[in-house]
Amino acid sequence: MHLPRVINASREIFDYIAGFHNRLRRHSALGYLSPMEFERQFANHP
């Protein structure tokens, strides 16, 4: 096993989940809107 490859893969997966997936995934606490959509609606109706 090549440890640097495993560490790099782990970072890439974390970056995807934290930076992309969670920004687009719908959240029940936000009325089933994605965080990006919730922020957009909030900004347009303060």
C-alpha atoms as a PDB file:
ATOM      1  CA  MET A   1       0.000   0.000   0.000  1.00  0.00           C
ATOM      2  CA  HIS A   2       1.251   3.470  -0.855  1.00  0.00           C
ATOM      3  CA  LEU A   3       0.438   5.700   2.103  1.00  0.00           C
ATOM      4  CA  PRO A   4       0.878   9.025   0.262  1.00  0.00           C
ATOM      5  CA  ARG A   5      -1.712   7.893  -2.308  1.00  0.00           C
ATOM      6  CA  VAL A   6      -4.171   6.956   0.441  1.00  0.00           C
ATOM      7  CA  ILE A   7      -3.670  10.289   2.204  1.00  0.00           C
ATOM      8  CA  ASN A   8      -4.058  12.190  -1.060  1.00  0.00           C
ATOM      9  CA  ALA A   9      -7.222  10.258  -1.944  1.00  0.00           C
ATOM     10  CA  SER A  10      -8.630  10.942   1.526  1.00  0.00           C
ATOM     11  CA  ARG A  11      -7.998  14.667   1.097  1.00  0.00           C
ATOM     12  CA  GLU A  12      -9.636  14.700  -2.321  1.00  0.00           C
ATOM     13  CA  ILE A  13     -12.723  12.912  -0.986  1.00  0.00           C
ATOM     14  CA  PHE A  14     -12.952  15.268   1.999  1.00  0.00           C
ATOM     15  CA  ASP A  15     -12.575  18.327  -0.229  1.00  0.00           C
ATOM     16  CA  TYR A  16     -15.370  17.083  -2.486  1.00  0.00           C
ATOM     17  CA  ILE A  17     -17.757  16.405   0.395  1.00  0.00           C
ATOM     18  CA  ALA A  18     -16.985  19.560   2.369  1.00  0.00           C
ATOM     19  CA  GLY A  19     -16.592  21.969  -0.506  1.00  0.00           C
ATOM     20  CA  PHE A  20     -19.001  20.797  -3.151  1.00  0.00           C
ATOM     21  CA  HIS A  21     -21.458  18.105  -2.126  1.00  0.00           C
ATOM     22  CA  ASN A  22     -22.623  19.725   1.122  1.00  0.00           C
ATOM     23  CA  ARG A  23     -23.140  23.067  -0.646  1.00  0.00           C
ATOM     24  CA  LEU A  24     -25.526  21.433  -3.139  1.00  0.00           C
ATOM     25  CA  ARG A  25     -27.176  18.757  -0.985  1.00  0.00           C
ATOM     26  CA  ARG A  26     -30.638  19.584   0.309  1.00  0.00           C
ATOM     27  CA  HIS A  27     -30.932  19.986   4.081  1.00  0.00           C
ATOM     28  CA  SER A  28     -34.171  19.420   5.993  1.00  0.00           C
ATOM     29  CA  ALA A  29     -33.261  22.203   8.452  1.00  0.00           C
ATOM     30  CA  LEU A  30     -33.242  24.645   5.522  1.00  0.00           C
ATOM     31  CA  GLY A  31     -36.656  23.650   4.222  1.00  0.00           C
ATOM     32  CA  TYR A  32     -35.109  21.064   1.884  1.00  0.00           C
ATOM     33  CA  LEU A  33     -33.079  23.693   0.078  1.00  0.00           C
ATOM     34  CA  SER A  34     -29.391  23.470  -0.629  1.00  0.00           C
ATOM     35  CA  PRO A  35     -27.270  25.899   1.397  1.00  0.00           C
ATOM     36  CA  MET A  36     -26.526  27.821  -1.797  1.00  0.00           C
ATOM     37  CA  GLU A  37     -30.229  28.151  -2.648  1.00  0.00           C
ATOM     38  CA  PHE A  38     -31.098  29.105   0.940  1.00  0.00           C
ATOM     39  CA  GLU A  39     -28.443  31.843   0.952  1.00  0.00           C
ATOM     40  CA  ARG A  40     -29.663  33.130  -2.420  1.00  0.00           C
ATOM     41  CA  GLN A  41     -33.264  33.332  -1.230  1.00  0.00           C
ATOM     42  CA  PHE A  42     -32.245  34.941   2.069  1.00  0.00           C
ATOM     43  CA  ALA A  43     -30.147  37.558   0.282  1.00  0.00           C
ATOM     44  CA  ASN A  44     -33.089  38.455  -1.973  1.00  0.00           C
ATOM     45  CA  HIS A  45     -35.610  38.666   0.919  1.00  0.00           C
ATOM     46  CA  PRO A  46     -33.883  39.953   4.068  1.00  0.00           C
END
